[in-house]
């Protein structure tokens, strides 16, 4: 990776520029310092105490190697719809029923396997680094960083709350057109997967907050836009269930539906700062066929334009 130094009024330490301007983490900096020719300025290997100025070209040897991804075998299975691909990331519209990472029973058919295969066919070394994650039966945008630096930069932006996420879900008619659900999420005492919401903080719990807005209503159901302000496991599913309106088809926090074979939850929009320019990027994921069929069956006739995604 190469960066051209700009907008400096005076020379600065390379270490400061890497940390403060480029956002290189301590961990990545440690790796670069121990890598042969890991940090170069104008083609010359230097240490981080070198002083740099406008016009200098910084080269970081941060590309992945093919041997790093041994735990995720590449697959020739089709890749989900690619929403956007840059030097920094690839974003896809993950379908429901596709796990993000390999796990018991899913060693070669996950999103990680498919994306690894996609880059293998291009002869590009690749390590799967998902910035955000979705449950297997939730569809929508998954953002994947394309090397260590971009992964750290995007993950740090996520931790700082610079990401904005929007989901669409179907529930029985909510009593109000908009509102906030908040409380403390923790594991159910008898489960390692299922979560619960409590009004007060208890040991092992974490604060969570979701804003919602009803987009469309039919006689019995509504399409609701959800904006998670925090990002806890199963947050949206737990929150809607906690107020008595679980997501249609969510068998863990609600019940089966004859209209759809999974929870009707779709990650429709993602806004985040580009690790290249720092400008904000907004990506949208078209609604999948099973979700669209559900809307028709319950009288919520719509298309992407209707719900302004």
Foldseek 3Di string as FASTA:
>chain_A
DKDFDDDDPDKDFQLCCCCPPLNFDPVLLVVLVPDVLQWDKPRHRDHRRDIDDGGIMIDGPWAADQVVAPQAAADPDAAAAWQDDDLWKTKHWFAAQAAQADDVPRRQGHNQNHVCNVVVVVVGRFHWQWLDGDHNGATEIIITTGTDSSSSVSNVQVVVQQKKWKKKFKWWDDPDQKDKFKAWKAADPVDPQDIAGDRDDDPRIDIWMKIKGWQDDDPTMTIMMIITSDDDRCVVQRRCLVVPIGTACDPRSDRHDPLANHGLMYGAKMWHQRSVPRDIDMTGDFDDDSNQSSCVVRVNHDGCVSRVD
